[in-house]
Amino acid sequence: ATVLWPADSASPEAWLAAQPVEELKAQFDNDGYAVVRGVLTPSEVALLGELYDRLLNGSIDASSHRHDLGNTQTVQNAKFKENICQIMWPSLFVHGLADPCPARQRLRLLARALLGPDMDFDFDMMLAKPPQSNTPTPWHADAAYWLDMPDKRAVSCWLAVDATWLDNGCMWFGPGSHRRPLLPHRSAAAGTHVLTCDGSEADGVPCELQPGDCTLHSGQTLHYSRGNTSDCWRRGYVMNFRPLAMVEFERQRNYDHGQAGLGKIFGAGQAHAADGADAVA
């Protein structure tokens, strides 16, 4: 499959020049997350939505990298294949979802502006909560799924393909949680790789987005999302950036966030996806 982005898409440099970078950096440093508006234009979002449709209906076969992030629920969604569909490394299946993808190019430059010029792409994933699936993603910090790396700089970018609000499962963040020690994590349910920790909406802030908007959060920032109780889809595209030396650190230890497929992880019965299916929300 191939995606052809609009010829008149703004260059990454022009897009970054229009962003309030200092404000975003201050919020990210202080709170552990930030909200960026208008990462993609409506026409660019529409193309991304079309890719989602093809991946979800199977016309683009990503079954080797697809699973149910909502398998913490004892009741399986009767209408859709998963309670929460997660596809690791969708850029493996769609030519153009890597460079020259406008979102990847723009957010990589923003990651460098926020965290340093050595920030580079690590992995991507697609997440989709179907209508009325009502399956929350529990409180967690992404770093609980990752190797303990000497350089912990990282930013996960959650790009909205649909409008997200409270009822369909917008992201919640725990402001300042990235400055505290990583909380102990445990399996969210027996037999699942999904992790959780102690968190509460009382200590969190919801971030409602329009299509094309994006949240940024660090690997240590606590976050979660409610289940989708609306009649609309809630689809998000996630890209993670970290120092290139740390990407190489991971790969040298055979840690690829599921790039080689999820079979080796789930087939081995690991308690959680220590080198694969990272939960975001």
C-alpha atoms as a PDB file:
ATOM      1  CA  ALA A   1       0.000   0.000   0.000  1.00  0.00           C
ATOM      2  CA  THR A   2       1.122   3.545  -0.735  1.00  0.00           C
ATOM      3  CA  VAL A   3      -0.008   6.933   0.527  1.00  0.00           C
ATOM      4  CA  LEU A   4       0.645  10.048  -1.577  1.00  0.00           C
ATOM      5  CA  TRP A   5       0.654  13.160   0.553  1.00  0.00           C
ATOM      6  CA  PRO A   6      -0.631  16.448  -0.927  1.00  0.00           C
ATOM      7  CA  ALA A   7       1.967  18.233  -3.034  1.00  0.00           C
ATOM      8  CA  ASP A   8       1.233  21.520  -1.259  1.00  0.00           C
ATOM      9  CA  SER A   9       1.913  20.166   2.247  1.00  0.00           C
ATOM     10  CA  ALA A  10       3.920  22.621   4.328  1.00  0.00           C
ATOM     11  CA  SER A  11       7.576  21.762   4.771  1.00  0.00           C
ATOM     12  CA  PRO A  12       8.613  20.520   8.238  1.00  0.00           C
ATOM     13  CA  GLU A  13      10.718  23.639   8.736  1.00  0.00           C
ATOM     14  CA  ALA A  14       7.868  26.004   7.805  1.00  0.00           C
ATOM     15  CA  TRP A  15       5.481  24.131  10.082  1.00  0.00           C
ATOM     16  CA  LEU A  16       7.900  24.238  13.031  1.00  0.00           C
ATOM     17  CA  ALA A  17       8.515  27.956  12.536  1.00  0.00           C
ATOM     18  CA  ALA A  18       4.802  28.570  13.123  1.00  0.00           C
ATOM     19  CA  GLN A  19       4.703  26.648  16.427  1.00  0.00           C
ATOM     20  CA  PRO A  20       5.009  28.173  19.924  1.00  0.00           C
ATOM     21  CA  VAL A  21       8.087  26.042  20.608  1.00  0.00           C
ATOM     22  CA  GLU A  22       9.187  27.797  23.814  1.00  0.00           C
ATOM     23  CA  GLU A  23       5.699  27.478  25.329  1.00  0.00           C
ATOM     24  CA  LEU A  24       5.520  23.805  24.357  1.00  0.00           C
ATOM     25  CA  LYS A  25       8.963  23.150  25.818  1.00  0.00           C
ATOM     26  CA  ALA A  26       8.028  24.855  29.086  1.00  0.00           C
ATOM     27  CA  GLN A  27       4.823  22.806  29.384  1.00  0.00           C
ATOM     28  CA  PHE A  28       6.576  19.567  28.478  1.00  0.00           C
ATOM     29  CA  ASP A  29       9.389  20.178  30.958  1.00  0.00           C
ATOM     30  CA  ASN A  30       7.031  21.258  33.760  1.00  0.00           C
ATOM     31  CA  ASP A  31       4.054  18.928  33.281  1.00  0.00           C
ATOM     32  CA  GLY A  32       5.501  15.996  31.329  1.00  0.00           C
ATOM     33  CA  TYR A  33       3.100  16.537  28.442  1.00  0.00           C
ATOM     34  CA  ALA A  34       2.003  19.197  25.974  1.00  0.00           C
ATOM     35  CA  VAL A  35      -0.701  19.709  23.334  1.00  0.00           C
ATOM     36  CA  VAL A  36       0.148  20.704  19.757  1.00  0.00           C
ATOM     37  CA  ARG A  37      -2.600  21.951  17.462  1.00  0.00           C
ATOM     38  CA  GLY A  38      -2.737  21.390  13.727  1.00  0.00           C
ATOM     39  CA  VAL A  39       0.098  18.935  13.152  1.00  0.00           C
ATOM     40  CA  LEU A  40      -1.796  17.756  10.054  1.00  0.00           C
ATOM     41  CA  THR A  41      -4.191  19.610   7.764  1.00  0.00           C
ATOM     42  CA  PRO A  42      -7.721  18.268   7.153  1.00  0.00           C
ATOM     43  CA  SER A  43      -6.681  16.786   3.792  1.00  0.00           C
ATOM     44  CA  GLU A  44      -3.675  15.063   5.390  1.00  0.00           C
ATOM     45  CA  VAL A  45      -5.853  13.703   8.201  1.00  0.00           C
ATOM     46  CA  ALA A  46      -8.332  12.379   5.629  1.00  0.00           C
ATOM     47  CA  LEU A  47      -5.550  10.376   3.955  1.00  0.00           C
ATOM     48  CA  LEU A  48      -4.506   8.954   7.316  1.00  0.00           C
ATOM     49  CA  GLY A  49      -8.128   8.047   8.037  1.00  0.00           C
ATOM     50  CA  GLU A  50      -8.375   6.159   4.740  1.00  0.00           C
ATOM     51  CA  LEU A  51      -5.305   4.130   5.726  1.00  0.00           C
ATOM     52  CA  TYR A  52      -6.937   3.329   9.053  1.00  0.00           C
ATOM     53  CA  ASP A  53     -10.034   2.030   7.279  1.00  0.00           C
ATOM     54  CA  ARG A  54      -7.923  -0.310   5.138  1.00  0.00           C
ATOM     55  CA  LEU A  55      -5.863  -1.544   8.063  1.00  0.00           C
ATOM     56  CA  LEU A  56      -8.901  -2.105  10.261  1.00  0.00           C
ATOM     57  CA  ASN A  57     -10.903  -3.964   7.602  1.00  0.00           C
ATOM     58  CA  GLY A  58      -7.888  -6.089   6.688  1.00  0.00           C
ATOM     59  CA  SER A  59      -7.487  -4.982   3.077  1.00  0.00           C
ATOM     60  CA  ILE A  60      -3.982  -4.029   4.233  1.00  0.00           C
ATOM     61  CA  ASP A  61      -2.932  -7.171   6.089  1.00  0.00           C
ATOM     62  CA  ALA A  62      -1.093  -6.250   9.290  1.00  0.00           C
ATOM     63  CA  SER A  63      -2.207  -9.336  11.215  1.00  0.00           C
ATOM     64  CA  SER A  64       1.361 -10.213  12.254  1.00  0.00           C
ATOM     65  CA  HIS A  65       1.578  -6.897  14.122  1.00  0.00           C
ATOM     66  CA  ARG A  66      -2.034  -6.544  15.262  1.00  0.00           C
ATOM     67  CA  HIS A  67      -3.645  -7.514  18.545  1.00  0.00           C
ATOM     68  CA  ASP A  68      -6.219  -6.464  21.150  1.00  0.00           C
ATOM     69  CA  LEU A  69      -4.851  -3.959  23.640  1.00  0.00           C
ATOM     70  CA  GLY A  70      -8.253  -4.279  25.345  1.00  0.00           C
ATOM     71  CA  ASN A  71      -7.818  -7.946  26.229  1.00  0.00           C
ATOM     72  CA  THR A  72      -7.968  -6.928  29.867  1.00  0.00           C
ATOM     73  CA  GLN A  73     -11.753  -7.129  29.502  1.00  0.00           C
ATOM     74  CA  THR A  74     -13.460 -10.468  30.108  1.00  0.00           C
ATOM     75  CA  VAL A  75     -16.142  -9.594  27.527  1.00  0.00           C
ATOM     76  CA  GLN A  76     -14.975  -9.421  23.909  1.00  0.00           C
ATOM     77  CA  ASN A  77     -16.467  -6.783  21.638  1.00  0.00           C
ATOM     78  CA  ALA A  78     -19.234  -8.539  19.711  1.00  0.00           C
ATOM     79  CA  LYS A  79     -19.221  -6.221  16.692  1.00  0.00           C
ATOM     80  CA  PHE A  80     -15.521  -5.577  16.108  1.00  0.00           C
ATOM     81  CA  LYS A  81     -12.442  -7.767  16.120  1.00  0.00           C
ATOM     82  CA  GLU A  82     -10.839  -6.073  19.130  1.00  0.00           C
ATOM     83  CA  ASN A  83     -11.931  -4.032  22.129  1.00  0.00           C
ATOM     84  CA  ILE A  84      -8.950  -1.771  21.358  1.00  0.00           C
ATOM     85  CA  CYS A  85      -7.115  -2.418  18.112  1.00  0.00           C
ATOM     86  CA  GLN A  86      -3.356  -1.884  18.295  1.00  0.00           C
ATOM     87  CA  ILE A  87      -1.132  -2.260  15.214  1.00  0.00           C
ATOM     88  CA  MET A  88       2.587  -1.993  15.852  1.00  0.00           C
ATOM     89  CA  TRP A  89       4.793  -0.565  13.089  1.00  0.00           C
ATOM     90  CA  PRO A  90       2.061   0.328  10.543  1.00  0.00           C
ATOM     91  CA  SER A  91       4.772   2.103   8.555  1.00  0.00           C
ATOM     92  CA  LEU A  92       6.054  -1.369   7.590  1.00  0.00           C
ATOM     93  CA  PHE A  93       2.848  -1.961   5.653  1.00  0.00           C
ATOM     94  CA  VAL A  94       2.273   1.441   4.029  1.00  0.00           C
ATOM     95  CA  HIS A  95       4.849   3.067   1.779  1.00  0.00           C
ATOM     96  CA  GLY A  96       4.940   6.779   2.578  1.00  0.00           C
ATOM     97  CA  LEU A  97       3.851   6.417   6.217  1.00  0.00           C
ATOM     98  CA  ALA A  98       7.546   6.710   7.035  1.00  0.00           C
ATOM     99  CA  ASP A  99       9.367   9.609   5.366  1.00  0.00           C
ATOM    100  CA  PRO A 100       7.995  11.624   3.596  1.00  0.00           C
ATOM    101  CA  CYS A 101       5.051  11.410   6.042  1.00  0.00           C
ATOM    102  CA  PRO A 102       4.381  15.045   7.077  1.00  0.00           C
ATOM    103  CA  ALA A 103       3.522  14.029  10.642  1.00  0.00           C
ATOM    104  CA  ARG A 104       6.762  12.131  11.133  1.00  0.00           C
ATOM    105  CA  GLN A 105       8.887  14.890   9.612  1.00  0.00           C
ATOM    106  CA  ARG A 106       7.216  17.688  11.583  1.00  0.00           C
ATOM    107  CA  LEU A 107       7.122  15.882  14.911  1.00  0.00           C
ATOM    108  CA  ARG A 108      10.740  14.734  14.589  1.00  0.00           C
ATOM    109  CA  LEU A 109      11.803  18.370  14.217  1.00  0.00           C
ATOM    110  CA  LEU A 110       9.639  19.325  17.189  1.00  0.00           C
ATOM    111  CA  ALA A 111      11.133  16.489  19.274  1.00  0.00           C
ATOM    112  CA  ARG A 112      14.595  17.855  18.464  1.00  0.00           C
ATOM    113  CA  ALA A 113      13.526  21.364  19.424  1.00  0.00           C
ATOM    114  CA  LEU A 114      12.174  20.104  22.761  1.00  0.00           C
ATOM    115  CA  LEU A 115      14.744  17.479  23.748  1.00  0.00           C
ATOM    116  CA  GLY A 116      17.859  17.895  21.617  1.00  0.00           C
ATOM    117  CA  PRO A 117      19.223  17.541  18.081  1.00  0.00           C
ATOM    118  CA  ASP A 118      19.970  13.806  18.479  1.00  0.00           C
ATOM    119  CA  MET A 119      16.275  12.842  18.758  1.00  0.00           C
ATOM    120  CA  ASP A 120      15.182  10.405  16.068  1.00  0.00           C
ATOM    121  CA  PHE A 121      12.353   8.022  15.160  1.00  0.00           C
ATOM    122  CA  ASP A 122      12.075   4.803  17.201  1.00  0.00           C
ATOM    123  CA  PHE A 123       8.703   3.177  16.396  1.00  0.00           C
ATOM    124  CA  ASP A 124       5.086   3.846  15.476  1.00  0.00           C
ATOM    125  CA  MET A 125       1.690   2.304  16.215  1.00  0.00           C
ATOM    126  CA  MET A 126      -1.981   2.731  15.403  1.00  0.00           C
ATOM    127  CA  LEU A 127      -4.669   2.596  18.101  1.00  0.00           C
ATOM    128  CA  ALA A 128      -8.422   2.425  17.564  1.00  0.00           C
ATOM    129  CA  LYS A 129     -11.250   2.293  20.097  1.00  0.00           C
ATOM    130  CA  PRO A 130     -14.448   1.230  18.298  1.00  0.00           C
ATOM    131  CA  PRO A 131     -17.820   2.862  19.033  1.00  0.00           C
ATOM    132  CA  GLN A 132     -19.424   1.657  22.260  1.00  0.00           C
ATOM    133  CA  SER A 133     -16.446  -0.596  23.045  1.00  0.00           C
ATOM    134  CA  ASN A 134     -16.217   0.926  26.542  1.00  0.00           C
ATOM    135  CA  THR A 135     -12.727  -0.440  27.277  1.00  0.00           C
ATOM    136  CA  PRO A 136     -10.367   1.855  29.203  1.00  0.00           C
ATOM    137  CA  THR A 137      -6.602   1.828  28.835  1.00  0.00           C
ATOM    138  CA  PRO A 138      -5.372   1.724  32.446  1.00  0.00           C
ATOM    139  CA  TRP A 139      -3.041   4.214  34.079  1.00  0.00           C
ATOM    140  CA  HIS A 140       0.602   3.548  33.238  1.00  0.00           C
ATOM    141  CA  ALA A 141       3.880   5.104  32.164  1.00  0.00           C
ATOM    142  CA  ASP A 142       5.350   3.933  28.863  1.00  0.00           C
ATOM    143  CA  ALA A 143       8.803   3.480  30.410  1.00  0.00           C
ATOM    144  CA  ALA A 144       7.435   0.506  32.351  1.00  0.00           C
ATOM    145  CA  TYR A 145       7.380  -1.358  29.007  1.00  0.00           C
ATOM    146  CA  TRP A 146      10.853  -0.300  27.919  1.00  0.00           C
ATOM    147  CA  LEU A 147      14.447  -1.266  28.594  1.00  0.00           C
ATOM    148  CA  ASP A 148      16.186   0.698  31.329  1.00  0.00           C
ATOM    149  CA  MET A 149      18.248   3.013  29.157  1.00  0.00           C
ATOM    150  CA  PRO A 150      21.064   5.306  30.315  1.00  0.00           C
ATOM    151  CA  ASP A 151      19.488   8.255  28.457  1.00  0.00           C
ATOM    152  CA  LYS A 152      15.790   8.411  29.285  1.00  0.00           C
ATOM    153  CA  ARG A 153      14.831  11.281  26.979  1.00  0.00           C
ATOM    154  CA  ALA A 154      11.811  10.236  24.908  1.00  0.00           C
ATOM    155  CA  VAL A 155       8.611  11.710  23.557  1.00  0.00           C
ATOM    156  CA  SER A 156       5.519   9.817  22.478  1.00  0.00           C
ATOM    157  CA  CYS A 157       3.327  11.750  20.049  1.00  0.00           C
ATOM    158  CA  TRP A 158      -0.379  10.796  20.035  1.00  0.00           C
ATOM    159  CA  LEU A 159      -1.922  12.223  16.856  1.00  0.00           C
ATOM    160  CA  ALA A 160      -5.723  12.403  16.663  1.00  0.00           C
ATOM    161  CA  VAL A 161      -7.312  11.009  13.500  1.00  0.00           C
ATOM    162  CA  ASP A 162     -10.790  11.626  14.960  1.00  0.00           C
ATOM    163  CA  ALA A 163     -12.004  14.233  17.413  1.00  0.00           C
ATOM    164  CA  THR A 164     -11.351  12.951  20.943  1.00  0.00           C
ATOM    165  CA  TRP A 165     -13.297  13.954  24.025  1.00  0.00           C
ATOM    166  CA  LEU A 166     -14.267  12.495  27.393  1.00  0.00           C
ATOM    167  CA  ASP A 167     -16.928  10.110  26.109  1.00  0.00           C
ATOM    168  CA  ASN A 168     -14.861   8.490  23.370  1.00  0.00           C
ATOM    169  CA  GLY A 169     -11.634   8.151  25.321  1.00  0.00           C
ATOM    170  CA  CYS A 170      -9.402  11.219  25.085  1.00  0.00           C
ATOM    171  CA  MET A 171      -5.986  11.049  26.717  1.00  0.00           C
ATOM    172  CA  TRP A 172      -5.539  11.974  30.391  1.00  0.00           C
ATOM    173  CA  PHE A 173      -2.161  12.902  31.888  1.00  0.00           C
ATOM    174  CA  GLY A 174      -0.789  13.217  35.421  1.00  0.00           C
ATOM    175  CA  PRO A 175       0.939  16.621  35.468  1.00  0.00           C
ATOM    176  CA  GLY A 176       4.377  16.441  37.058  1.00  0.00           C
ATOM    177  CA  SER A 177       4.342  12.642  37.347  1.00  0.00           C
ATOM    178  CA  HIS A 178       7.441  12.472  35.123  1.00  0.00           C
ATOM    179  CA  ARG A 179       9.485  14.160  37.860  1.00  0.00           C
ATOM    180  CA  ARG A 180       8.697  11.446  40.428  1.00  0.00           C
ATOM    181  CA  PRO A 181      10.139   7.909  40.576  1.00  0.00           C
ATOM    182  CA  LEU A 182       8.454   5.455  38.239  1.00  0.00           C
ATOM    183  CA  LEU A 183       5.579   3.808  40.102  1.00  0.00           C
ATOM    184  CA  PRO A 184       5.495   0.004  40.468  1.00  0.00           C
ATOM    185  CA  HIS A 185       3.542  -1.545  37.579  1.00  0.00           C
ATOM    186  CA  ARG A 186       1.622  -4.811  37.540  1.00  0.00           C
ATOM    187  CA  SER A 187      -0.396  -6.835  35.031  1.00  0.00           C
ATOM    188  CA  ALA A 188      -3.776  -5.230  34.459  1.00  0.00           C
ATOM    189  CA  ALA A 189      -5.430  -8.668  34.259  1.00  0.00           C
ATOM    190  CA  ALA A 190      -4.337 -12.290  34.368  1.00  0.00           C
ATOM    191  CA  GLY A 191      -2.857 -13.540  31.125  1.00  0.00           C
ATOM    192  CA  THR A 192      -2.391 -10.115  29.514  1.00  0.00           C
ATOM    193  CA  HIS A 193       0.744  -8.140  28.690  1.00  0.00           C
ATOM    194  CA  VAL A 194      -1.008  -4.861  29.581  1.00  0.00           C
ATOM    195  CA  LEU A 195       0.463  -3.090  32.610  1.00  0.00           C
ATOM    196  CA  THR A 196      -1.093  -0.692  35.076  1.00  0.00           C
ATOM    197  CA  CYS A 197      -0.170   1.311  38.146  1.00  0.00           C
ATOM    198  CA  ASP A 198      -1.956   3.408  40.734  1.00  0.00           C
ATOM    199  CA  GLY A 199      -3.426   6.515  39.101  1.00  0.00           C
ATOM    200  CA  SER A 200      -6.616   8.526  39.358  1.00  0.00           C
ATOM    201  CA  GLU A 201      -8.625  10.996  37.296  1.00  0.00           C
ATOM    202  CA  ALA A 202      -8.639  13.168  40.416  1.00  0.00           C
ATOM    203  CA  ASP A 203      -4.937  13.781  39.791  1.00  0.00           C
ATOM    204  CA  GLY A 204      -5.207  13.916  35.990  1.00  0.00           C
ATOM    205  CA  VAL A 205      -6.014  16.364  33.235  1.00  0.00           C
ATOM    206  CA  PRO A 206      -8.041  15.369  30.119  1.00  0.00           C
ATOM    207  CA  CYS A 207      -6.820  16.563  26.726  1.00  0.00           C
ATOM    208  CA  GLU A 208      -9.572  16.851  24.118  1.00  0.00           C
ATOM    209  CA  LEU A 209      -8.317  17.083  20.529  1.00  0.00           C
ATOM    210  CA  GLN A 210      -9.548  17.886  17.056  1.00  0.00           C
ATOM    211  CA  PRO A 211      -8.411  15.763  14.090  1.00  0.00           C
ATOM    212  CA  GLY A 212      -4.799  16.630  13.299  1.00  0.00           C
ATOM    213  CA  ASP A 213      -3.996  17.778  16.859  1.00  0.00           C
ATOM    214  CA  CYS A 214      -1.430  15.904  18.918  1.00  0.00           C
ATOM    215  CA  THR A 215      -0.403  15.314  22.517  1.00  0.00           C
ATOM    216  CA  LEU A 216       3.230  14.823  23.506  1.00  0.00           C
ATOM    217  CA  HIS A 217       4.311  12.979  26.649  1.00  0.00           C
ATOM    218  CA  SER A 218       7.505  11.632  28.165  1.00  0.00           C
ATOM    219  CA  GLY A 219       8.155   7.997  28.934  1.00  0.00           C
ATOM    220  CA  GLN A 220       7.780   8.637  32.670  1.00  0.00           C
ATOM    221  CA  THR A 221       4.482  10.567  32.452  1.00  0.00           C
ATOM    222  CA  LEU A 222       1.430   8.760  33.815  1.00  0.00           C
ATOM    223  CA  HIS A 223      -1.496   8.633  31.386  1.00  0.00           C
ATOM    224  CA  TYR A 224      -4.697   6.736  30.664  1.00  0.00           C
ATOM    225  CA  SER A 225      -7.887   6.918  28.640  1.00  0.00           C
ATOM    226  CA  ARG A 226     -11.501   6.059  29.370  1.00  0.00           C
ATOM    227  CA  GLY A 227     -13.433   3.553  27.328  1.00  0.00           C
ATOM    228  CA  ASN A 228     -15.305   4.731  24.242  1.00  0.00           C
ATOM    229  CA  THR A 229     -18.987   5.043  25.151  1.00  0.00           C
ATOM    230  CA  SER A 230     -19.832   7.182  22.107  1.00  0.00           C
ATOM    231  CA  ASP A 231     -21.130   6.185  18.674  1.00  0.00           C
ATOM    232  CA  CYS A 232     -17.896   7.430  17.043  1.00  0.00           C
ATOM    233  CA  TRP A 233     -14.492   5.874  16.495  1.00  0.00           C
ATOM    234  CA  ARG A 234     -11.502   7.135  18.475  1.00  0.00           C
ATOM    235  CA  ARG A 235      -8.390   6.553  16.343  1.00  0.00           C
ATOM    236  CA  GLY A 236      -4.892   7.762  17.135  1.00  0.00           C
ATOM    237  CA  TYR A 237      -1.532   7.427  15.401  1.00  0.00           C
ATOM    238  CA  VAL A 238       1.464   7.227  17.746  1.00  0.00           C
ATOM    239  CA  MET A 239       5.103   7.976  16.945  1.00  0.00           C
ATOM    240  CA  ASN A 240       7.935   7.718  19.454  1.00  0.00           C
ATOM    241  CA  PHE A 241      11.206   9.621  19.261  1.00  0.00           C
ATOM    242  CA  ARG A 242      14.331   9.180  21.383  1.00  0.00           C
ATOM    243  CA  PRO A 243      18.099   9.754  20.993  1.00  0.00           C
ATOM    244  CA  LEU A 244      19.525   7.838  18.046  1.00  0.00           C
ATOM    245  CA  ALA A 245      22.136   6.298  20.344  1.00  0.00           C
ATOM    246  CA  MET A 246      19.312   4.867  22.489  1.00  0.00           C
ATOM    247  CA  VAL A 247      17.515   3.444  19.433  1.00  0.00           C
ATOM    248  CA  GLU A 248      20.795   1.702  18.613  1.00  0.00           C
ATOM    249  CA  PHE A 249      21.089   0.615  22.288  1.00  0.00           C
ATOM    250  CA  GLU A 250      17.682  -1.058  22.001  1.00  0.00           C
ATOM    251  CA  ARG A 251      18.345  -2.793  18.701  1.00  0.00           C
ATOM    252  CA  GLN A 252      21.705  -4.129  19.885  1.00  0.00           C
ATOM    253  CA  ARG A 253      19.742  -5.876  22.646  1.00  0.00           C
ATOM    254  CA  ASN A 254      17.149  -7.289  20.227  1.00  0.00           C
ATOM    255  CA  TYR A 255      14.550  -4.812  21.482  1.00  0.00           C
ATOM    256  CA  ASP A 256      12.447  -3.598  18.582  1.00  0.00           C
ATOM    257  CA  HIS A 257       8.962  -2.714  19.930  1.00  0.00           C
ATOM    258  CA  GLY A 258       7.448  -5.553  17.910  1.00  0.00           C
ATOM    259  CA  GLN A 259       9.062  -4.673  14.574  1.00  0.00           C
ATOM    260  CA  ALA A 260       9.723  -8.361  13.866  1.00  0.00           C
ATOM    261  CA  GLY A 261       6.112  -9.273  14.706  1.00  0.00           C
ATOM    262  CA  LEU A 262       4.160 -10.018  17.869  1.00  0.00           C
ATOM    263  CA  GLY A 263       4.190 -13.805  17.599  1.00  0.00           C
ATOM    264  CA  LYS A 264       7.513 -14.217  19.392  1.00  0.00           C
ATOM    265  CA  ILE A 265       6.182 -12.154  22.314  1.00  0.00           C
ATOM    266  CA  PHE A 266       2.741 -13.604  22.861  1.00  0.00           C
ATOM    267  CA  GLY A 267       3.767 -17.078  21.717  1.00  0.00           C
ATOM    268  CA  ALA A 268       6.383 -17.163  24.448  1.00  0.00           C
ATOM    269  CA  GLY A 269       3.766 -16.290  27.055  1.00  0.00           C
ATOM    270  CA  GLN A 270       5.620 -13.322  28.460  1.00  0.00           C
ATOM    271  CA  ALA A 271       3.906 -11.465  31.277  1.00  0.00           C
ATOM    272  CA  HIS A 272       4.082  -8.308  29.219  1.00  0.00           C
ATOM    273  CA  ALA A 273       5.524  -7.276  25.902  1.00  0.00           C
ATOM    274  CA  ALA A 274       9.009  -6.528  27.096  1.00  0.00           C
ATOM    275  CA  ASP A 275      10.217  -5.991  23.546  1.00  0.00           C
ATOM    276  CA  GLY A 276       7.068  -5.404  21.636  1.00  0.00           C
ATOM    277  CA  ALA A 277       3.518  -4.175  22.109  1.00  0.00           C
ATOM    278  CA  ASP A 278       3.883  -0.946  24.021  1.00  0.00           C
ATOM    279  CA  ALA A 279       0.643   0.295  25.514  1.00  0.00           C
ATOM    280  CA  VAL A 280       0.079   4.013  25.092  1.00  0.00           C
ATOM    281  CA  ALA A 281      -3.663   4.710  25.438  1.00  0.00           C
END
